[in-house]
Amino acid sequence: MHDDELDVDVPLVLRLLAAQFPEWAELPIEPVPNRGTDNALFRLGPELVARLPVQESKAATLVRELEWLPRLAPHLPLAVPVSVAQGEPGEGYPCIWCVNTWLPGEDATVGPAVDAADALAEFILALQAIDASDGPLPGRHNFGRGEPLVNRDAPFRAALATLDVPGAAAVWEEALAAPRWEAPGRWLHGDLDARNVLVDDGRLSGVIDWGALGVGDPACEAMVAWKLVPVEERDAFRARLGLDDAAWARARGWVVSQAVIALGYYTDETNPVLVAEARRWLEEAL
């Protein structure tokens, strides 16, 4: 998936567990299919999951999650992973890693959930209500989620030049022309994709993969309007979040830029799940 990807497999996890957490070394272990772009996941029995960055540069996202999630979790209406142990580099593996609780459910790529728009709005509003005065500002550490859109202009145009996406440039120009967010930043998950939202018994139940966590423009979080919110519920979702025309234009620019940049980097061979998702986002947003 990445040129500098680390070799992370079951034998490595078994060696790390035996050396650092022998109490879990005998648990059944299996890779989690459809892993994300930044971490490999391995089920450890029925209640735990080991999470290992697949690039050295992505270890910083795990450090931020371990620092902030315990502070944010008590204020949120949906479950988030709880870390039960932090592993250290070893056995030829150069990064920190962690063992988390396993959250029940399937990711939202399985299909729509009941009252998904309401549950997402409640989650976003609860997250944004948490004091963000000392939270991490956007930057390379969270893939720029929540930063001014102009910072994404060069990578967006470079990716778009390799693709045939009619209408994307016009949406992007409208987003760039919209007034910027000038108020203090708000907490963002930053990556509310279907792969990171869990559904249990037909309802949204949890949010995983907080690697894009940060504090910035709340329009970034509203990308989810084109990712998970049915079109007939989108206006009500926007109203509940209180997004004006400028924020809505930036949100649409965010989702189009994320899709285009993803399609310029990944292929059906390297990441078929994300590629399919990015194509769907573009269909919805354009």
C-alpha atoms as a PDB file:
ATOM      1  CA  MET A   1       0.000   0.000   0.000  1.00  0.00           C
ATOM      2  CA  HIS A   2       2.939   2.346   0.774  1.00  0.00           C
ATOM      3  CA  ASP A   3       6.492   2.258  -0.589  1.00  0.00           C
ATOM      4  CA  ASP A   4       7.932   2.484   2.932  1.00  0.00           C
ATOM      5  CA  GLU A   5       5.465   0.081   4.549  1.00  0.00           C
ATOM      6  CA  LEU A   6       6.750  -2.028   7.421  1.00  0.00           C
ATOM      7  CA  ASP A   7       6.422  -5.818   7.382  1.00  0.00           C
ATOM      8  CA  VAL A   8       3.767  -6.380  10.044  1.00  0.00           C
ATOM      9  CA  ASP A   9       2.334  -9.890  10.344  1.00  0.00           C
ATOM     10  CA  VAL A  10       1.099 -12.454  12.857  1.00  0.00           C
ATOM     11  CA  PRO A  11       4.565 -13.858  13.695  1.00  0.00           C
ATOM     12  CA  LEU A  12       5.795 -10.344  14.554  1.00  0.00           C
ATOM     13  CA  VAL A  13       2.814  -9.689  16.820  1.00  0.00           C
ATOM     14  CA  LEU A  14       3.329 -13.041  18.537  1.00  0.00           C
ATOM     15  CA  ARG A  15       6.984 -12.187  19.214  1.00  0.00           C
ATOM     16  CA  LEU A  16       6.083  -8.746  20.560  1.00  0.00           C
ATOM     17  CA  LEU A  17       3.424 -10.185  22.830  1.00  0.00           C
ATOM     18  CA  ALA A  18       5.714 -12.909  24.131  1.00  0.00           C
ATOM     19  CA  ALA A  19       8.429 -10.369  24.928  1.00  0.00           C
ATOM     20  CA  GLN A  20       6.277  -7.563  26.360  1.00  0.00           C
ATOM     21  CA  PHE A  21       2.840  -8.925  27.334  1.00  0.00           C
ATOM     22  CA  PRO A  22       3.230 -12.684  27.875  1.00  0.00           C
ATOM     23  CA  GLU A  23      -0.161 -12.840  29.592  1.00  0.00           C
ATOM     24  CA  TRP A  24      -1.748 -12.407  26.143  1.00  0.00           C
ATOM     25  CA  ALA A  25       0.726 -14.436  24.082  1.00  0.00           C
ATOM     26  CA  GLU A  26      -1.437 -17.570  24.134  1.00  0.00           C
ATOM     27  CA  LEU A  27      -4.641 -15.868  22.971  1.00  0.00           C
ATOM     28  CA  PRO A  28      -5.978 -16.761  19.500  1.00  0.00           C
ATOM     29  CA  ILE A  29      -4.743 -14.174  17.002  1.00  0.00           C
ATOM     30  CA  GLU A  30      -5.962 -13.273  13.549  1.00  0.00           C
ATOM     31  CA  PRO A  31      -5.508 -10.267  11.241  1.00  0.00           C
ATOM     32  CA  VAL A  32      -8.461  -7.916  10.896  1.00  0.00           C
ATOM     33  CA  PRO A  33      -9.496  -7.694   7.224  1.00  0.00           C
ATOM     34  CA  ASN A  34      -9.921  -4.328   5.498  1.00  0.00           C
ATOM     35  CA  ARG A  35      -7.407  -2.599   7.755  1.00  0.00           C
ATOM     36  CA  GLY A  36      -6.906   1.141   7.478  1.00  0.00           C
ATOM     37  CA  THR A  37      -4.141   2.940   5.633  1.00  0.00           C
ATOM     38  CA  ASP A  38      -2.003   3.614   8.709  1.00  0.00           C
ATOM     39  CA  ASN A  39      -2.297   0.674  11.105  1.00  0.00           C
ATOM     40  CA  ALA A  40      -2.480  -3.106  10.970  1.00  0.00           C
ATOM     41  CA  LEU A  41      -4.976  -4.693  13.374  1.00  0.00           C
ATOM     42  CA  PHE A  42      -4.919  -8.150  14.939  1.00  0.00           C
ATOM     43  CA  ARG A  43      -7.695  -9.661  17.043  1.00  0.00           C
ATOM     44  CA  LEU A  44      -6.424 -11.079  20.341  1.00  0.00           C
ATOM     45  CA  GLY A  45      -9.136 -13.383  21.554  1.00  0.00           C
ATOM     46  CA  PRO A  46     -12.689 -12.013  21.794  1.00  0.00           C
ATOM     47  CA  GLU A  47     -12.011  -8.805  23.730  1.00  0.00           C
ATOM     48  CA  LEU A  48      -8.710  -7.254  22.571  1.00  0.00           C
ATOM     49  CA  VAL A  49      -7.041  -5.957  19.412  1.00  0.00           C
ATOM     50  CA  ALA A  50      -3.381  -5.125  18.763  1.00  0.00           C
ATOM     51  CA  ARG A  51      -2.799  -2.000  16.663  1.00  0.00           C
ATOM     52  CA  LEU A  52       0.549  -1.461  14.919  1.00  0.00           C
ATOM     53  CA  PRO A  53       1.507   1.455  12.635  1.00  0.00           C
ATOM     54  CA  VAL A  54       2.587   0.268   9.186  1.00  0.00           C
ATOM     55  CA  GLN A  55       4.895   3.255   8.602  1.00  0.00           C
ATOM     56  CA  GLU A  56       7.327   4.813  11.038  1.00  0.00           C
ATOM     57  CA  SER A  57       5.918   8.251  10.208  1.00  0.00           C
ATOM     58  CA  LYS A  58       2.456   7.163  11.413  1.00  0.00           C
ATOM     59  CA  ALA A  59       3.571   6.310  14.957  1.00  0.00           C
ATOM     60  CA  ALA A  60       2.995   9.961  15.922  1.00  0.00           C
ATOM     61  CA  THR A  61      -0.748   9.550  15.284  1.00  0.00           C
ATOM     62  CA  LEU A  62      -0.847   6.692  17.785  1.00  0.00           C
ATOM     63  CA  VAL A  63       0.954   8.792  20.395  1.00  0.00           C
ATOM     64  CA  ARG A  64      -1.699  11.487  20.027  1.00  0.00           C
ATOM     65  CA  GLU A  65      -4.542   9.001  20.311  1.00  0.00           C
ATOM     66  CA  LEU A  66      -3.075   7.501  23.483  1.00  0.00           C
ATOM     67  CA  GLU A  67      -2.788  10.981  24.990  1.00  0.00           C
ATOM     68  CA  TRP A  68      -6.174  12.432  24.076  1.00  0.00           C
ATOM     69  CA  LEU A  69      -8.743   9.667  23.714  1.00  0.00           C
ATOM     70  CA  PRO A  70      -8.950   8.943  27.456  1.00  0.00           C
ATOM     71  CA  ARG A  71      -9.820  12.617  27.986  1.00  0.00           C
ATOM     72  CA  LEU A  72     -12.416  12.804  25.224  1.00  0.00           C
ATOM     73  CA  ALA A  73     -14.139   9.428  25.613  1.00  0.00           C
ATOM     74  CA  PRO A  74     -16.198  10.205  28.764  1.00  0.00           C
ATOM     75  CA  HIS A  75     -17.933  13.094  26.960  1.00  0.00           C
ATOM     76  CA  LEU A  76     -18.959  11.187  23.811  1.00  0.00           C
ATOM     77  CA  PRO A  77     -22.262   9.406  23.070  1.00  0.00           C
ATOM     78  CA  LEU A  78     -20.629   6.640  20.994  1.00  0.00           C
ATOM     79  CA  ALA A  79     -18.018   4.130  22.155  1.00  0.00           C
ATOM     80  CA  VAL A  80     -14.342   4.680  21.333  1.00  0.00           C
ATOM     81  CA  PRO A  81     -11.400   2.304  21.755  1.00  0.00           C
ATOM     82  CA  VAL A  82      -9.820   2.085  25.201  1.00  0.00           C
ATOM     83  CA  SER A  83      -6.099   1.364  25.333  1.00  0.00           C
ATOM     84  CA  VAL A  84      -5.153  -1.281  27.892  1.00  0.00           C
ATOM     85  CA  ALA A  85      -1.417  -1.434  27.130  1.00  0.00           C
ATOM     86  CA  GLN A  86       1.236   0.438  25.173  1.00  0.00           C
ATOM     87  CA  GLY A  87       3.930  -1.618  23.510  1.00  0.00           C
ATOM     88  CA  GLU A  88       7.467  -0.488  22.782  1.00  0.00           C
ATOM     89  CA  PRO A  89       9.694  -1.010  19.724  1.00  0.00           C
ATOM     90  CA  GLY A  90      11.263  -4.444  19.638  1.00  0.00           C
ATOM     91  CA  GLU A  91      11.739  -7.683  17.720  1.00  0.00           C
ATOM     92  CA  GLY A  92      12.908  -5.660  14.719  1.00  0.00           C
ATOM     93  CA  TYR A  93       9.807  -3.456  14.780  1.00  0.00           C
ATOM     94  CA  PRO A  94      10.702   0.259  15.177  1.00  0.00           C
ATOM     95  CA  CYS A  95       7.427   1.821  16.446  1.00  0.00           C
ATOM     96  CA  ILE A  96       5.349   2.005  19.556  1.00  0.00           C
ATOM     97  CA  TRP A  97       2.125  -0.011  19.334  1.00  0.00           C
ATOM     98  CA  CYS A  98      -0.849  -0.681  21.549  1.00  0.00           C
ATOM     99  CA  VAL A  99      -3.459  -3.176  22.687  1.00  0.00           C
ATOM    100  CA  ASN A 100      -7.022  -1.835  22.771  1.00  0.00           C
ATOM    101  CA  THR A 101     -10.412  -3.125  23.761  1.00  0.00           C
ATOM    102  CA  TRP A 102     -12.326  -4.630  20.842  1.00  0.00           C
ATOM    103  CA  LEU A 103     -15.564  -2.780  20.106  1.00  0.00           C
ATOM    104  CA  PRO A 104     -18.498  -4.894  18.922  1.00  0.00           C
ATOM    105  CA  GLY A 105     -20.181  -4.295  15.592  1.00  0.00           C
ATOM    106  CA  GLU A 106     -19.239  -4.004  11.937  1.00  0.00           C
ATOM    107  CA  ASP A 107     -18.007  -0.957  10.087  1.00  0.00           C
ATOM    108  CA  ALA A 108     -20.668   1.103   8.329  1.00  0.00           C
ATOM    109  CA  THR A 109     -19.680  -0.144   4.880  1.00  0.00           C
ATOM    110  CA  VAL A 110     -22.140  -3.005   5.595  1.00  0.00           C
ATOM    111  CA  GLY A 111     -25.046  -0.646   4.925  1.00  0.00           C
ATOM    112  CA  PRO A 112     -27.086   2.236   6.335  1.00  0.00           C
ATOM    113  CA  ALA A 113     -27.930   2.373  10.029  1.00  0.00           C
ATOM    114  CA  VAL A 114     -31.163   3.531  11.616  1.00  0.00           C
ATOM    115  CA  ASP A 115     -31.076   7.245  12.523  1.00  0.00           C
ATOM    116  CA  ALA A 116     -27.465   7.530  11.362  1.00  0.00           C
ATOM    117  CA  ALA A 117     -27.728  11.261  10.620  1.00  0.00           C
ATOM    118  CA  ASP A 118     -29.045  12.042  14.113  1.00  0.00           C
ATOM    119  CA  ALA A 119     -26.418   9.868  15.784  1.00  0.00           C
ATOM    120  CA  LEU A 120     -23.598  11.446  13.778  1.00  0.00           C
ATOM    121  CA  ALA A 121     -24.812  14.975  14.514  1.00  0.00           C
ATOM    122  CA  GLU A 122     -25.083  14.183  18.231  1.00  0.00           C
ATOM    123  CA  PHE A 123     -21.567  12.734  18.213  1.00  0.00           C
ATOM    124  CA  ILE A 124     -20.048  15.704  16.352  1.00  0.00           C
ATOM    125  CA  LEU A 125     -21.766  18.275  18.548  1.00  0.00           C
ATOM    126  CA  ALA A 126     -20.662  16.468  21.715  1.00  0.00           C
ATOM    127  CA  LEU A 127     -17.064  16.317  20.479  1.00  0.00           C
ATOM    128  CA  GLN A 128     -17.067  19.989  19.474  1.00  0.00           C
ATOM    129  CA  ALA A 129     -18.454  20.994  22.882  1.00  0.00           C
ATOM    130  CA  ILE A 130     -15.332  19.703  24.656  1.00  0.00           C
ATOM    131  CA  ASP A 131     -12.814  22.387  25.630  1.00  0.00           C
ATOM    132  CA  ALA A 132     -10.238  22.486  22.832  1.00  0.00           C
ATOM    133  CA  SER A 133      -8.042  25.284  24.136  1.00  0.00           C
ATOM    134  CA  ASP A 134      -4.996  23.045  24.616  1.00  0.00           C
ATOM    135  CA  GLY A 135      -5.729  20.550  21.837  1.00  0.00           C
ATOM    136  CA  PRO A 136      -3.335  19.809  18.943  1.00  0.00           C
ATOM    137  CA  LEU A 137      -3.641  22.159  15.972  1.00  0.00           C
ATOM    138  CA  PRO A 138      -3.772  20.678  12.469  1.00  0.00           C
ATOM    139  CA  GLY A 139      -0.560  19.756  10.694  1.00  0.00           C
ATOM    140  CA  ARG A 140       1.262  16.841   9.111  1.00  0.00           C
ATOM    141  CA  HIS A 141       0.677  14.831  12.284  1.00  0.00           C
ATOM    142  CA  ASN A 142      -3.079  14.624  11.512  1.00  0.00           C
ATOM    143  CA  PHE A 143      -2.867  14.896   7.711  1.00  0.00           C
ATOM    144  CA  GLY A 144      -3.869  18.552   7.893  1.00  0.00           C
ATOM    145  CA  ARG A 145      -7.460  17.836   8.893  1.00  0.00           C
ATOM    146  CA  GLY A 146      -9.049  21.127   9.968  1.00  0.00           C
ATOM    147  CA  GLU A 147      -6.415  23.370   8.385  1.00  0.00           C
ATOM    148  CA  PRO A 148      -7.263  26.117   5.831  1.00  0.00           C
ATOM    149  CA  LEU A 149      -8.204  24.508   2.524  1.00  0.00           C
ATOM    150  CA  VAL A 150      -5.608  26.527   0.645  1.00  0.00           C
ATOM    151  CA  ASN A 151      -2.963  24.315   2.272  1.00  0.00           C
ATOM    152  CA  ARG A 152      -4.376  21.405   0.235  1.00  0.00           C
ATOM    153  CA  ASP A 153      -4.447  23.249  -3.067  1.00  0.00           C
ATOM    154  CA  ALA A 154      -1.159  21.916  -4.473  1.00  0.00           C
ATOM    155  CA  PRO A 155      -1.737  18.215  -3.677  1.00  0.00           C
ATOM    156  CA  PHE A 156      -5.344  18.467  -4.868  1.00  0.00           C
ATOM    157  CA  ARG A 157      -4.374  19.943  -8.233  1.00  0.00           C
ATOM    158  CA  ALA A 158      -1.510  17.476  -8.660  1.00  0.00           C
ATOM    159  CA  ALA A 159      -3.842  14.542  -8.065  1.00  0.00           C
ATOM    160  CA  LEU A 160      -6.638  15.992 -10.208  1.00  0.00           C
ATOM    161  CA  ALA A 161      -4.231  16.327 -13.139  1.00  0.00           C
ATOM    162  CA  THR A 162      -3.918  12.518 -13.199  1.00  0.00           C
ATOM    163  CA  LEU A 163      -7.683  11.875 -13.116  1.00  0.00           C
ATOM    164  CA  ASP A 164     -10.811  12.562 -15.133  1.00  0.00           C
ATOM    165  CA  VAL A 165     -13.262  14.061 -12.624  1.00  0.00           C
ATOM    166  CA  PRO A 166     -15.564  16.604 -14.320  1.00  0.00           C
ATOM    167  CA  GLY A 167     -16.901  19.173 -11.894  1.00  0.00           C
ATOM    168  CA  ALA A 168     -14.310  18.653  -9.171  1.00  0.00           C
ATOM    169  CA  ALA A 169     -12.305  21.771 -10.032  1.00  0.00           C
ATOM    170  CA  ALA A 170     -15.390  23.996  -9.871  1.00  0.00           C
ATOM    171  CA  VAL A 171     -16.370  22.664  -6.427  1.00  0.00           C
ATOM    172  CA  TRP A 172     -12.811  23.185  -5.256  1.00  0.00           C
ATOM    173  CA  GLU A 173     -12.677  26.789  -6.482  1.00  0.00           C
ATOM    174  CA  GLU A 174     -15.967  27.547  -4.722  1.00  0.00           C
ATOM    175  CA  ALA A 175     -14.587  26.078  -1.486  1.00  0.00           C
ATOM    176  CA  LEU A 176     -11.365  28.097  -1.733  1.00  0.00           C
ATOM    177  CA  ALA A 177     -13.358  31.280  -2.324  1.00  0.00           C
ATOM    178  CA  ALA A 178     -15.528  30.746   0.763  1.00  0.00           C
ATOM    179  CA  PRO A 179     -14.601  32.812   3.849  1.00  0.00           C
ATOM    180  CA  ARG A 180     -12.228  30.984   6.170  1.00  0.00           C
ATOM    181  CA  TRP A 181     -13.042  29.800   9.665  1.00  0.00           C
ATOM    182  CA  GLU A 182     -11.668  32.532  11.946  1.00  0.00           C
ATOM    183  CA  ALA A 183     -12.976  31.411  15.354  1.00  0.00           C
ATOM    184  CA  PRO A 184     -11.020  29.148  17.726  1.00  0.00           C
ATOM    185  CA  GLY A 185     -10.725  25.610  16.434  1.00  0.00           C
ATOM    186  CA  ARG A 186     -12.968  22.789  17.602  1.00  0.00           C
ATOM    187  CA  TRP A 187     -12.247  19.125  18.238  1.00  0.00           C
ATOM    188  CA  LEU A 188     -12.361  16.917  15.127  1.00  0.00           C
ATOM    189  CA  HIS A 189     -12.207  13.187  14.640  1.00  0.00           C
ATOM    190  CA  GLY A 190     -11.099  14.135  11.147  1.00  0.00           C
ATOM    191  CA  ASP A 191     -11.824  10.833   9.397  1.00  0.00           C
ATOM    192  CA  LEU A 192     -15.497   9.907   9.803  1.00  0.00           C
ATOM    193  CA  ASP A 193     -15.530   7.421   6.944  1.00  0.00           C
ATOM    194  CA  ALA A 194     -17.747   4.354   6.825  1.00  0.00           C
ATOM    195  CA  ARG A 195     -14.685   2.237   7.655  1.00  0.00           C
ATOM    196  CA  ASN A 196     -14.243   4.108  10.950  1.00  0.00           C
ATOM    197  CA  VAL A 197     -17.854   4.120  12.156  1.00  0.00           C
ATOM    198  CA  LEU A 198     -19.290   0.984  13.744  1.00  0.00           C
ATOM    199  CA  VAL A 199     -22.827  -0.350  13.442  1.00  0.00           C
ATOM    200  CA  ASP A 200     -24.228  -2.802  15.992  1.00  0.00           C
ATOM    201  CA  ASP A 201     -27.766  -4.161  15.860  1.00  0.00           C
ATOM    202  CA  GLY A 202     -28.653  -1.672  13.116  1.00  0.00           C
ATOM    203  CA  ARG A 203     -27.513   1.472  14.924  1.00  0.00           C
ATOM    204  CA  LEU A 204     -24.299   3.461  15.114  1.00  0.00           C
ATOM    205  CA  SER A 205     -22.387   2.226  18.134  1.00  0.00           C
ATOM    206  CA  GLY A 206     -18.771   3.379  17.995  1.00  0.00           C
ATOM    207  CA  VAL A 207     -16.078   5.435  16.285  1.00  0.00           C
ATOM    208  CA  ILE A 208     -12.586   4.032  15.736  1.00  0.00           C
ATOM    209  CA  ASP A 209      -9.284   5.116  14.151  1.00  0.00           C
ATOM    210  CA  TRP A 210      -8.608   8.532  15.650  1.00  0.00           C
ATOM    211  CA  GLY A 211      -5.334   9.098  13.794  1.00  0.00           C
ATOM    212  CA  ALA A 212      -6.594  12.382  12.258  1.00  0.00           C
ATOM    213  CA  LEU A 213      -7.619  13.773  15.656  1.00  0.00           C
ATOM    214  CA  GLY A 214      -7.031  17.491  16.058  1.00  0.00           C
ATOM    215  CA  VAL A 215      -8.487  20.958  16.611  1.00  0.00           C
ATOM    216  CA  GLY A 216      -9.470  23.079  13.626  1.00  0.00           C
ATOM    217  CA  ASP A 217     -12.175  24.189  11.192  1.00  0.00           C
ATOM    218  CA  PRO A 218     -15.376  22.258  12.034  1.00  0.00           C
ATOM    219  CA  ALA A 219     -16.324  22.238   8.343  1.00  0.00           C
ATOM    220  CA  CYS A 220     -13.785  19.450   7.937  1.00  0.00           C
ATOM    221  CA  GLU A 221     -15.885  17.139  10.101  1.00  0.00           C
ATOM    222  CA  ALA A 222     -18.954  17.820   7.960  1.00  0.00           C
ATOM    223  CA  MET A 223     -17.380  15.792   5.146  1.00  0.00           C
ATOM    224  CA  VAL A 224     -19.423  12.975   6.641  1.00  0.00           C
ATOM    225  CA  ALA A 225     -22.554  14.564   5.158  1.00  0.00           C
ATOM    226  CA  TRP A 226     -21.583  13.117   1.767  1.00  0.00           C
ATOM    227  CA  LYS A 227     -20.062   9.944   3.177  1.00  0.00           C
ATOM    228  CA  LEU A 228     -22.714   8.548   5.510  1.00  0.00           C
ATOM    229  CA  VAL A 229     -25.757  10.834   5.585  1.00  0.00           C
ATOM    230  CA  PRO A 230     -28.558   9.970   3.115  1.00  0.00           C
ATOM    231  CA  VAL A 231     -29.173  12.756   0.627  1.00  0.00           C
ATOM    232  CA  GLU A 232     -32.745  13.303   1.831  1.00  0.00           C
ATOM    233  CA  GLU A 233     -31.459  13.952   5.372  1.00  0.00           C
ATOM    234  CA  ARG A 234     -28.530  16.157   4.436  1.00  0.00           C
ATOM    235  CA  ASP A 235     -30.257  19.528   4.852  1.00  0.00           C
ATOM    236  CA  ALA A 236     -31.519  18.619   8.326  1.00  0.00           C
ATOM    237  CA  PHE A 237     -28.050  17.354   9.252  1.00  0.00           C
ATOM    238  CA  ARG A 238     -26.514  20.646   8.099  1.00  0.00           C
ATOM    239  CA  ALA A 239     -29.068  22.659  10.067  1.00  0.00           C
ATOM    240  CA  ARG A 240     -28.443  20.698  13.239  1.00  0.00           C
ATOM    241  CA  LEU A 241     -24.705  21.390  12.987  1.00  0.00           C
ATOM    242  CA  GLY A 242     -25.421  25.082  12.321  1.00  0.00           C
ATOM    243  CA  LEU A 243     -23.314  25.300   9.157  1.00  0.00           C
ATOM    244  CA  ASP A 244     -23.660  28.470   7.105  1.00  0.00           C
ATOM    245  CA  ASP A 245     -23.089  28.660   3.343  1.00  0.00           C
ATOM    246  CA  ALA A 246     -19.347  29.239   3.733  1.00  0.00           C
ATOM    247  CA  ALA A 247     -18.869  26.257   6.051  1.00  0.00           C
ATOM    248  CA  TRP A 248     -20.975  24.035   3.776  1.00  0.00           C
ATOM    249  CA  ALA A 249     -18.886  25.033   0.745  1.00  0.00           C
ATOM    250  CA  ARG A 250     -15.678  24.281   2.661  1.00  0.00           C
ATOM    251  CA  ALA A 251     -17.083  20.933   3.814  1.00  0.00           C
ATOM    252  CA  ARG A 252     -17.910  19.986   0.233  1.00  0.00           C
ATOM    253  CA  GLY A 253     -14.428  21.077  -0.827  1.00  0.00           C
ATOM    254  CA  TRP A 254     -12.967  18.912   1.920  1.00  0.00           C
ATOM    255  CA  VAL A 255     -14.722  15.753   0.781  1.00  0.00           C
ATOM    256  CA  VAL A 256     -13.916  16.337  -2.887  1.00  0.00           C
ATOM    257  CA  SER A 257     -10.260  17.024  -2.125  1.00  0.00           C
ATOM    258  CA  GLN A 258      -9.958  13.957   0.097  1.00  0.00           C
ATOM    259  CA  ALA A 259     -11.505  11.772  -2.586  1.00  0.00           C
ATOM    260  CA  VAL A 260      -9.368  13.156  -5.405  1.00  0.00           C
ATOM    261  CA  ILE A 261      -6.132  12.928  -3.418  1.00  0.00           C
ATOM    262  CA  ALA A 262      -6.968   9.355  -2.372  1.00  0.00           C
ATOM    263  CA  LEU A 263      -7.714   8.333  -5.972  1.00  0.00           C
ATOM    264  CA  GLY A 264      -4.469   9.933  -7.101  1.00  0.00           C
ATOM    265  CA  TYR A 265      -2.501   7.806  -4.615  1.00  0.00           C
ATOM    266  CA  TYR A 266      -4.318   4.483  -4.173  1.00  0.00           C
ATOM    267  CA  THR A 267      -5.487   2.001  -6.801  1.00  0.00           C
ATOM    268  CA  ASP A 268      -7.892  -0.926  -6.952  1.00  0.00           C
ATOM    269  CA  GLU A 269      -4.880  -3.141  -6.342  1.00  0.00           C
ATOM    270  CA  THR A 270      -3.360  -1.311  -3.354  1.00  0.00           C
ATOM    271  CA  ASN A 271      -6.532  -0.281  -1.481  1.00  0.00           C
ATOM    272  CA  PRO A 272      -9.765  -1.375  -3.185  1.00  0.00           C
ATOM    273  CA  VAL A 273     -11.989  -0.509  -0.202  1.00  0.00           C
ATOM    274  CA  LEU A 274     -10.833   3.116   0.052  1.00  0.00           C
ATOM    275  CA  VAL A 275     -10.866   3.559  -3.727  1.00  0.00           C
ATOM    276  CA  ALA A 276     -14.484   2.402  -3.888  1.00  0.00           C
ATOM    277  CA  GLU A 277     -15.382   4.730  -1.027  1.00  0.00           C
ATOM    278  CA  ALA A 278     -13.633   7.720  -2.642  1.00  0.00           C
ATOM    279  CA  ARG A 279     -15.488   7.165  -5.902  1.00  0.00           C
ATOM    280  CA  ARG A 280     -18.775   7.083  -4.020  1.00  0.00           C
ATOM    281  CA  TRP A 281     -17.917  10.309  -2.150  1.00  0.00           C
ATOM    282  CA  LEU A 282     -17.335  12.047  -5.470  1.00  0.00           C
ATOM    283  CA  GLU A 283     -20.649  10.814  -6.858  1.00  0.00           C
ATOM    284  CA  GLU A 284     -22.439  12.221  -3.812  1.00  0.00           C
ATOM    285  CA  ALA A 285     -20.566  15.535  -3.693  1.00  0.00           C
ATOM    286  CA  LEU A 286     -20.628  16.279  -7.417  1.00  0.00           C
END
